[in-house]
Amino acid sequence: MFSFFKKTRPLGSYRFLGTDFHSHLLPGIDDGAKDMADSLRLIRRLADMGFTRLITTPHIMADLYPNTPEAILAKRDEVRKAMQEAGISLPLDAAAEYLMDEGFEALLETGNLLALPGNRVLVEMSFISEPPKLDAYLFRLQTKGYRPVLAHPERYLFLRERMSRYQELRERGCEFQLNLLSLTGYYGKPTRENALALLKAGLIDYAASDLHHDRHAERLEAALQDPGIAKALGQATLRNDTL
């Protein structure tokens, strides 16, 4: 019997996504690139994988990485200058990945968040439990004119058996961004299974690299040759190109 899925070809390139809008490429300000040489090498690798535009997203965490929009944009400009000098023409911009922690409420009050195109704000939460004020945070973001995008929903394994909660968050106006690394098993089998379940349920809006270092780049490059990953992503209508 003929099977279409047996004929699934590897991705070969991430050009079909176009924009990678979750990564940690600015040197020395979070747990991503350590210095400018790191930044340029990782950017080149993303370009070689087929991405045509990068929006890098340093962490903003109250205790660990208290970055500000001004500091992030200044560092972005340094990287842009280094890229130009190195002959790298890939467009680079910056937003931020906000941890919904005790400091997030104060940032919300200011209304001065570093957003993705379309006034989207990339947010994350603890991998142990959801914040008590999660619904309130999502509502407040929207009253301030922002559109929340939840980073790597598949990694919140406390929601793994609560698909209805994912549905509820979507109904509350939250979009979902899958980490491509999750499909490789990089974060473990349960996360990979959760990623596949979310894709099958049609709950994923975007896919991105969440690239921090060369080990991530190696796994992302290997994923391009995996027909199973191509098949999994084929279940979703990804909208990176709308950013």
C-alpha atoms as a PDB file:
ATOM      1  CA  MET A   1       0.000   0.000   0.000  1.00  0.00           C
ATOM      2  CA  PHE A   2       1.294   3.455  -0.917  1.00  0.00           C
ATOM      3  CA  SER A   3       2.154   5.669   2.050  1.00  0.00           C
ATOM      4  CA  PHE A   4       2.808   9.377   1.633  1.00  0.00           C
ATOM      5  CA  PHE A   5       4.642   9.576   4.952  1.00  0.00           C
ATOM      6  CA  LYS A   6       7.224   7.014   3.830  1.00  0.00           C
ATOM      7  CA  LYS A   7       8.141   9.504   1.119  1.00  0.00           C
ATOM      8  CA  THR A   8       8.630  12.447   3.503  1.00  0.00           C
ATOM      9  CA  ARG A   9      11.873  14.185   2.689  1.00  0.00           C
ATOM     10  CA  PRO A  10      14.153  15.913   5.186  1.00  0.00           C
ATOM     11  CA  LEU A  11      13.759  19.659   5.522  1.00  0.00           C
ATOM     12  CA  GLY A  12      17.205  20.400   4.131  1.00  0.00           C
ATOM     13  CA  SER A  13      16.876  24.065   5.121  1.00  0.00           C
ATOM     14  CA  TYR A  14      14.915  26.336   7.467  1.00  0.00           C
ATOM     15  CA  ARG A  15      14.297  28.785   4.643  1.00  0.00           C
ATOM     16  CA  PHE A  16      10.596  27.900   4.765  1.00  0.00           C
ATOM     17  CA  LEU A  17      10.476  29.568   8.193  1.00  0.00           C
ATOM     18  CA  GLY A  18      12.415  32.635   7.098  1.00  0.00           C
ATOM     19  CA  THR A  19      12.581  34.466  10.423  1.00  0.00           C
ATOM     20  CA  ASP A  20      14.128  32.978  13.551  1.00  0.00           C
ATOM     21  CA  PHE A  21      12.806  35.131  16.389  1.00  0.00           C
ATOM     22  CA  HIS A  22      14.009  33.291  19.498  1.00  0.00           C
ATOM     23  CA  SER A  23      17.746  33.096  20.129  1.00  0.00           C
ATOM     24  CA  HIS A  24      20.479  34.351  22.429  1.00  0.00           C
ATOM     25  CA  LEU A  25      23.095  35.871  20.134  1.00  0.00           C
ATOM     26  CA  LEU A  26      24.105  39.119  21.835  1.00  0.00           C
ATOM     27  CA  PRO A  27      27.441  38.657  23.589  1.00  0.00           C
ATOM     28  CA  GLY A  28      27.847  38.613  27.331  1.00  0.00           C
ATOM     29  CA  ILE A  29      24.382  39.610  28.499  1.00  0.00           C
ATOM     30  CA  ASP A  30      22.744  36.252  29.252  1.00  0.00           C
ATOM     31  CA  ASP A  31      23.480  32.515  28.944  1.00  0.00           C
ATOM     32  CA  GLY A  32      23.934  32.678  25.179  1.00  0.00           C
ATOM     33  CA  ALA A  33      26.899  33.969  23.164  1.00  0.00           C
ATOM     34  CA  LYS A  34      29.863  34.731  25.426  1.00  0.00           C
ATOM     35  CA  ASP A  35      31.713  37.169  23.190  1.00  0.00           C
ATOM     36  CA  MET A  36      31.549  38.746  19.742  1.00  0.00           C
ATOM     37  CA  ALA A  37      33.353  35.834  18.096  1.00  0.00           C
ATOM     38  CA  ASP A  38      30.661  33.530  19.499  1.00  0.00           C
ATOM     39  CA  SER A  39      27.931  35.821  18.178  1.00  0.00           C
ATOM     40  CA  LEU A  40      29.309  35.998  14.655  1.00  0.00           C
ATOM     41  CA  ARG A  41      29.926  32.260  14.448  1.00  0.00           C
ATOM     42  CA  LEU A  42      26.380  31.414  15.596  1.00  0.00           C
ATOM     43  CA  ILE A  43      24.865  33.973  13.226  1.00  0.00           C
ATOM     44  CA  ARG A  44      26.798  32.479  10.312  1.00  0.00           C
ATOM     45  CA  ARG A  45      25.562  29.009  11.234  1.00  0.00           C
ATOM     46  CA  LEU A  46      21.943  30.178  11.316  1.00  0.00           C
ATOM     47  CA  ALA A  47      22.420  31.811   7.918  1.00  0.00           C
ATOM     48  CA  ASP A  48      23.884  28.570   6.557  1.00  0.00           C
ATOM     49  CA  MET A  49      20.804  26.709   7.868  1.00  0.00           C
ATOM     50  CA  GLY A  50      18.617  28.902   5.672  1.00  0.00           C
ATOM     51  CA  PHE A  51      17.226  31.548   8.017  1.00  0.00           C
ATOM     52  CA  THR A  52      16.814  34.839   6.186  1.00  0.00           C
ATOM     53  CA  ARG A  53      16.205  37.155   9.155  1.00  0.00           C
ATOM     54  CA  LEU A  54      17.080  37.022  12.859  1.00  0.00           C
ATOM     55  CA  ILE A  55      15.366  38.656  15.820  1.00  0.00           C
ATOM     56  CA  THR A  56      17.434  37.707  18.838  1.00  0.00           C
ATOM     57  CA  THR A  57      15.815  37.692  22.282  1.00  0.00           C
ATOM     58  CA  PRO A  58      18.051  38.024  25.367  1.00  0.00           C
ATOM     59  CA  HIS A  59      16.600  36.949  28.674  1.00  0.00           C
ATOM     60  CA  ILE A  60      15.111  39.494  31.023  1.00  0.00           C
ATOM     61  CA  MET A  61      14.932  37.972  34.514  1.00  0.00           C
ATOM     62  CA  ALA A  62      14.658  40.022  37.690  1.00  0.00           C
ATOM     63  CA  ASP A  63      17.443  38.309  39.633  1.00  0.00           C
ATOM     64  CA  LEU A  64      19.687  36.731  37.021  1.00  0.00           C
ATOM     65  CA  TYR A  65      19.575  38.881  33.869  1.00  0.00           C
ATOM     66  CA  PRO A  66      18.119  42.346  34.659  1.00  0.00           C
ATOM     67  CA  ASN A  67      18.622  43.548  31.100  1.00  0.00           C
ATOM     68  CA  THR A  68      16.918  46.706  29.878  1.00  0.00           C
ATOM     69  CA  PRO A  69      15.657  47.595  26.393  1.00  0.00           C
ATOM     70  CA  GLU A  70      18.351  50.275  26.146  1.00  0.00           C
ATOM     71  CA  ALA A  71      21.171  47.843  27.003  1.00  0.00           C
ATOM     72  CA  ILE A  72      19.856  45.218  24.599  1.00  0.00           C
ATOM     73  CA  LEU A  73      19.519  47.633  21.685  1.00  0.00           C
ATOM     74  CA  ALA A  74      22.991  49.048  22.314  1.00  0.00           C
ATOM     75  CA  LYS A  75      24.437  45.533  22.215  1.00  0.00           C
ATOM     76  CA  ARG A  76      22.413  44.776  19.070  1.00  0.00           C
ATOM     77  CA  ASP A  77      24.025  47.778  17.399  1.00  0.00           C
ATOM     78  CA  GLU A  78      27.491  46.513  18.356  1.00  0.00           C
ATOM     79  CA  VAL A  79      26.727  43.154  16.746  1.00  0.00           C
ATOM     80  CA  ARG A  80      25.323  44.787  13.628  1.00  0.00           C
ATOM     81  CA  LYS A  81      28.535  46.780  13.236  1.00  0.00           C
ATOM     82  CA  ALA A  82      30.655  43.635  13.715  1.00  0.00           C
ATOM     83  CA  MET A  83      28.508  41.799  11.159  1.00  0.00           C
ATOM     84  CA  GLN A  84      29.003  44.554   8.631  1.00  0.00           C
ATOM     85  CA  GLU A  85      32.768  44.473   9.159  1.00  0.00           C
ATOM     86  CA  ALA A  86      32.725  40.679   8.787  1.00  0.00           C
ATOM     87  CA  GLY A  87      30.671  40.823   5.578  1.00  0.00           C
ATOM     88  CA  ILE A  88      27.561  39.170   7.047  1.00  0.00           C
ATOM     89  CA  SER A  89      24.488  40.684   5.405  1.00  0.00           C
ATOM     90  CA  LEU A  90      21.755  38.778   7.294  1.00  0.00           C
ATOM     91  CA  PRO A  91      19.228  41.239   8.842  1.00  0.00           C
ATOM     92  CA  LEU A  92      19.447  41.260  12.642  1.00  0.00           C
ATOM     93  CA  ASP A  93      17.105  42.866  15.147  1.00  0.00           C
ATOM     94  CA  ALA A  94      16.449  42.341  18.853  1.00  0.00           C
ATOM     95  CA  ALA A  95      13.512  41.914  21.200  1.00  0.00           C
ATOM     96  CA  ALA A  96      13.559  40.103  24.561  1.00  0.00           C
ATOM     97  CA  GLU A  97      12.406  36.942  26.294  1.00  0.00           C
ATOM     98  CA  TYR A  98      10.639  37.923  29.512  1.00  0.00           C
ATOM     99  CA  LEU A  99      10.393  35.557  32.464  1.00  0.00           C
ATOM    100  CA  MET A 100       7.027  36.047  34.141  1.00  0.00           C
ATOM    101  CA  ASP A 101       8.606  36.362  37.581  1.00  0.00           C
ATOM    102  CA  GLU A 102       8.292  38.762  40.499  1.00  0.00           C
ATOM    103  CA  GLY A 103       9.828  41.567  38.473  1.00  0.00           C
ATOM    104  CA  PHE A 104       7.580  41.156  35.447  1.00  0.00           C
ATOM    105  CA  GLU A 105       4.630  42.985  36.974  1.00  0.00           C
ATOM    106  CA  ALA A 106       6.693  46.139  37.468  1.00  0.00           C
ATOM    107  CA  LEU A 107       7.880  45.965  33.852  1.00  0.00           C
ATOM    108  CA  LEU A 108       4.297  45.605  32.716  1.00  0.00           C
ATOM    109  CA  GLU A 109       3.385  48.764  34.589  1.00  0.00           C
ATOM    110  CA  THR A 110       5.891  50.794  32.599  1.00  0.00           C
ATOM    111  CA  GLY A 111       4.494  49.525  29.292  1.00  0.00           C
ATOM    112  CA  ASN A 112       8.014  49.745  27.868  1.00  0.00           C
ATOM    113  CA  LEU A 113       8.604  46.178  26.714  1.00  0.00           C
ATOM    114  CA  LEU A 114      10.952  45.202  23.897  1.00  0.00           C
ATOM    115  CA  ALA A 115       8.536  43.596  21.491  1.00  0.00           C
ATOM    116  CA  LEU A 116       8.618  41.488  18.368  1.00  0.00           C
ATOM    117  CA  PRO A 117       6.912  42.748  15.192  1.00  0.00           C
ATOM    118  CA  GLY A 118       3.165  43.128  15.595  1.00  0.00           C
ATOM    119  CA  ASN A 119       3.709  44.248  19.208  1.00  0.00           C
ATOM    120  CA  ARG A 120       4.158  40.633  20.236  1.00  0.00           C
ATOM    121  CA  VAL A 121       6.015  39.938  23.486  1.00  0.00           C
ATOM    122  CA  LEU A 122       7.910  36.694  23.994  1.00  0.00           C
ATOM    123  CA  VAL A 123       7.286  35.371  27.513  1.00  0.00           C
ATOM    124  CA  GLU A 124       8.344  32.288  29.428  1.00  0.00           C
ATOM    125  CA  MET A 125       7.582  30.796  32.820  1.00  0.00           C
ATOM    126  CA  SER A 126       9.123  28.431  35.326  1.00  0.00           C
ATOM    127  CA  PHE A 127       9.568  24.818  34.200  1.00  0.00           C
ATOM    128  CA  ILE A 128       8.231  23.685  37.580  1.00  0.00           C
ATOM    129  CA  SER A 129       4.814  25.345  37.757  1.00  0.00           C
ATOM    130  CA  GLU A 130       2.887  28.148  36.135  1.00  0.00           C
ATOM    131  CA  PRO A 131       2.942  31.543  37.855  1.00  0.00           C
ATOM    132  CA  PRO A 132      -0.107  32.161  40.077  1.00  0.00           C
ATOM    133  CA  LYS A 133      -0.840  35.323  38.088  1.00  0.00           C
ATOM    134  CA  LEU A 134      -0.384  33.813  34.628  1.00  0.00           C
ATOM    135  CA  ASP A 135      -3.889  34.646  33.408  1.00  0.00           C
ATOM    136  CA  ALA A 136      -3.617  38.150  34.851  1.00  0.00           C
ATOM    137  CA  TYR A 137      -0.255  38.690  33.125  1.00  0.00           C
ATOM    138  CA  LEU A 138      -1.676  37.630  29.766  1.00  0.00           C
ATOM    139  CA  PHE A 139      -4.669  39.925  30.248  1.00  0.00           C
ATOM    140  CA  ARG A 140      -2.501  42.871  31.312  1.00  0.00           C
ATOM    141  CA  LEU A 141      -0.227  42.413  28.312  1.00  0.00           C
ATOM    142  CA  GLN A 142      -3.209  42.665  26.019  1.00  0.00           C
ATOM    143  CA  THR A 143      -4.670  45.704  27.792  1.00  0.00           C
ATOM    144  CA  LYS A 144      -1.284  47.392  27.199  1.00  0.00           C
ATOM    145  CA  GLY A 145      -1.587  46.658  23.481  1.00  0.00           C
ATOM    146  CA  TYR A 146       0.764  43.646  23.377  1.00  0.00           C
ATOM    147  CA  ARG A 147       0.186  40.149  22.004  1.00  0.00           C
ATOM    148  CA  PRO A 148       1.748  37.441  24.218  1.00  0.00           C
ATOM    149  CA  VAL A 149       3.765  34.644  22.615  1.00  0.00           C
ATOM    150  CA  LEU A 150       4.594  31.807  25.013  1.00  0.00           C
ATOM    151  CA  ALA A 151       8.086  30.467  24.386  1.00  0.00           C
ATOM    152  CA  HIS A 152       8.589  26.682  24.224  1.00  0.00           C
ATOM    153  CA  PRO A 153       5.191  25.555  25.621  1.00  0.00           C
ATOM    154  CA  GLU A 154       6.262  21.938  25.105  1.00  0.00           C
ATOM    155  CA  ARG A 155       8.884  22.292  27.843  1.00  0.00           C
ATOM    156  CA  TYR A 156       6.332  22.971  30.582  1.00  0.00           C
ATOM    157  CA  LEU A 157       5.847  19.322  31.404  1.00  0.00           C
ATOM    158  CA  PHE A 158       3.516  20.094  34.311  1.00  0.00           C
ATOM    159  CA  LEU A 159       0.965  20.876  31.562  1.00  0.00           C
ATOM    160  CA  ARG A 160       1.651  17.686  29.629  1.00  0.00           C
ATOM    161  CA  GLU A 161      -1.503  15.935  30.806  1.00  0.00           C
ATOM    162  CA  ARG A 162      -3.567  19.130  30.647  1.00  0.00           C
ATOM    163  CA  MET A 163      -4.034  19.793  26.952  1.00  0.00           C
ATOM    164  CA  SER A 164      -7.192  21.687  27.872  1.00  0.00           C
ATOM    165  CA  ARG A 165      -5.032  24.250  29.704  1.00  0.00           C
ATOM    166  CA  TYR A 166      -3.043  24.859  26.526  1.00  0.00           C
ATOM    167  CA  GLN A 167      -6.350  25.346  24.702  1.00  0.00           C
ATOM    168  CA  GLU A 168      -7.488  27.764  27.379  1.00  0.00           C
ATOM    169  CA  LEU A 169      -4.325  29.841  27.096  1.00  0.00           C
ATOM    170  CA  ARG A 170      -4.783  30.008  23.337  1.00  0.00           C
ATOM    171  CA  GLU A 171      -8.371  31.167  23.823  1.00  0.00           C
ATOM    172  CA  ARG A 172      -7.038  33.896  26.134  1.00  0.00           C
ATOM    173  CA  GLY A 173      -5.047  35.291  23.225  1.00  0.00           C
ATOM    174  CA  CYS A 174      -1.678  33.616  23.798  1.00  0.00           C
ATOM    175  CA  GLU A 175       0.264  32.349  20.788  1.00  0.00           C
ATOM    176  CA  PHE A 176       2.717  29.433  21.062  1.00  0.00           C
ATOM    177  CA  GLN A 177       6.328  29.170  19.827  1.00  0.00           C
ATOM    178  CA  LEU A 178       7.884  25.704  19.573  1.00  0.00           C
ATOM    179  CA  ASN A 179      11.613  25.135  20.008  1.00  0.00           C
ATOM    180  CA  LEU A 180      12.941  23.194  17.023  1.00  0.00           C
ATOM    181  CA  LEU A 181      15.416  21.584  19.419  1.00  0.00           C
ATOM    182  CA  SER A 182      12.525  19.904  21.238  1.00  0.00           C
ATOM    183  CA  LEU A 183      11.829  17.749  18.179  1.00  0.00           C
ATOM    184  CA  THR A 184      15.400  16.432  18.245  1.00  0.00           C
ATOM    185  CA  GLY A 185      15.056  15.072  21.788  1.00  0.00           C
ATOM    186  CA  TYR A 186      17.592  17.598  23.068  1.00  0.00           C
ATOM    187  CA  TYR A 187      15.519  18.322  26.186  1.00  0.00           C
ATOM    188  CA  GLY A 188      14.506  14.686  26.684  1.00  0.00           C
ATOM    189  CA  LYS A 189      11.870  12.253  25.449  1.00  0.00           C
ATOM    190  CA  PRO A 190       8.895  13.678  27.438  1.00  0.00           C
ATOM    191  CA  THR A 191       9.468  17.145  25.963  1.00  0.00           C
ATOM    192  CA  ARG A 192       9.738  15.695  22.461  1.00  0.00           C
ATOM    193  CA  GLU A 193       6.475  13.786  22.949  1.00  0.00           C
ATOM    194  CA  ASN A 194       4.763  16.907  24.252  1.00  0.00           C
ATOM    195  CA  ALA A 195       6.009  18.872  21.237  1.00  0.00           C
ATOM    196  CA  LEU A 196       4.589  16.266  18.884  1.00  0.00           C
ATOM    197  CA  ALA A 197       1.249  16.304  20.717  1.00  0.00           C
ATOM    198  CA  LEU A 198       0.991  20.090  20.475  1.00  0.00           C
ATOM    199  CA  LEU A 199       1.809  20.000  16.772  1.00  0.00           C
ATOM    200  CA  LYS A 200      -0.771  17.289  16.168  1.00  0.00           C
ATOM    201  CA  ALA A 201      -3.377  19.321  18.079  1.00  0.00           C
ATOM    202  CA  GLY A 202      -2.693  22.338  15.858  1.00  0.00           C
ATOM    203  CA  LEU A 203      -1.632  24.494  18.795  1.00  0.00           C
ATOM    204  CA  ILE A 204       1.750  25.704  17.515  1.00  0.00           C
ATOM    205  CA  ASP A 205       1.928  29.066  15.746  1.00  0.00           C
ATOM    206  CA  TYR A 206       5.679  29.502  15.302  1.00  0.00           C
ATOM    207  CA  ALA A 207       8.914  27.520  15.421  1.00  0.00           C
ATOM    208  CA  ALA A 208      12.303  28.955  16.352  1.00  0.00           C
ATOM    209  CA  SER A 209      15.800  27.881  17.302  1.00  0.00           C
ATOM    210  CA  ASP A 210      16.282  29.163  20.889  1.00  0.00           C
ATOM    211  CA  LEU A 211      19.951  28.982  19.931  1.00  0.00           C
ATOM    212  CA  HIS A 212      22.449  29.602  22.750  1.00  0.00           C
ATOM    213  CA  HIS A 213      25.683  27.884  21.672  1.00  0.00           C
ATOM    214  CA  ASP A 214      27.378  25.555  19.213  1.00  0.00           C
ATOM    215  CA  ARG A 215      25.868  22.385  20.681  1.00  0.00           C
ATOM    216  CA  HIS A 216      22.439  23.738  19.852  1.00  0.00           C
ATOM    217  CA  ALA A 217      23.607  24.625  16.342  1.00  0.00           C
ATOM    218  CA  GLU A 218      24.884  21.091  15.792  1.00  0.00           C
ATOM    219  CA  ARG A 219      21.527  19.578  16.772  1.00  0.00           C
ATOM    220  CA  LEU A 220      19.616  22.037  14.609  1.00  0.00           C
ATOM    221  CA  GLU A 221      21.832  21.214  11.633  1.00  0.00           C
ATOM    222  CA  ALA A 222      21.340  17.482  12.174  1.00  0.00           C
ATOM    223  CA  ALA A 223      17.562  17.984  12.377  1.00  0.00           C
ATOM    224  CA  LEU A 224      17.555  19.194   8.793  1.00  0.00           C
ATOM    225  CA  GLN A 225      18.390  15.645   7.681  1.00  0.00           C
ATOM    226  CA  ASP A 226      15.681  13.940   9.787  1.00  0.00           C
ATOM    227  CA  PRO A 227      12.520  13.045   7.798  1.00  0.00           C
ATOM    228  CA  GLY A 228      10.636  12.497  11.077  1.00  0.00           C
ATOM    229  CA  ILE A 229      11.094  16.133  12.040  1.00  0.00           C
ATOM    230  CA  ALA A 230       9.953  17.244   8.589  1.00  0.00           C
ATOM    231  CA  LYS A 231       6.849  15.086   9.010  1.00  0.00           C
ATOM    232  CA  ALA A 232       6.111  16.530  12.468  1.00  0.00           C
ATOM    233  CA  LEU A 233       6.430  20.141  11.310  1.00  0.00           C
ATOM    234  CA  GLY A 234       4.268  19.332   8.301  1.00  0.00           C
ATOM    235  CA  GLN A 235       1.303  19.010  10.683  1.00  0.00           C
ATOM    236  CA  ALA A 236       1.462  22.690  11.617  1.00  0.00           C
ATOM    237  CA  THR A 237       0.629  25.924   9.850  1.00  0.00           C
ATOM    238  CA  LEU A 238       3.615  27.957  10.991  1.00  0.00           C
ATOM    239  CA  ARG A 239       3.434  31.728  10.706  1.00  0.00           C
ATOM    240  CA  ASN A 240       7.010  32.933  11.131  1.00  0.00           C
ATOM    241  CA  ASP A 241       6.658  34.784   7.857  1.00  0.00           C
ATOM    242  CA  THR A 242       3.964  37.033   9.364  1.00  0.00           C
ATOM    243  CA  LEU A 243       6.536  38.637  11.680  1.00  0.00           C
END
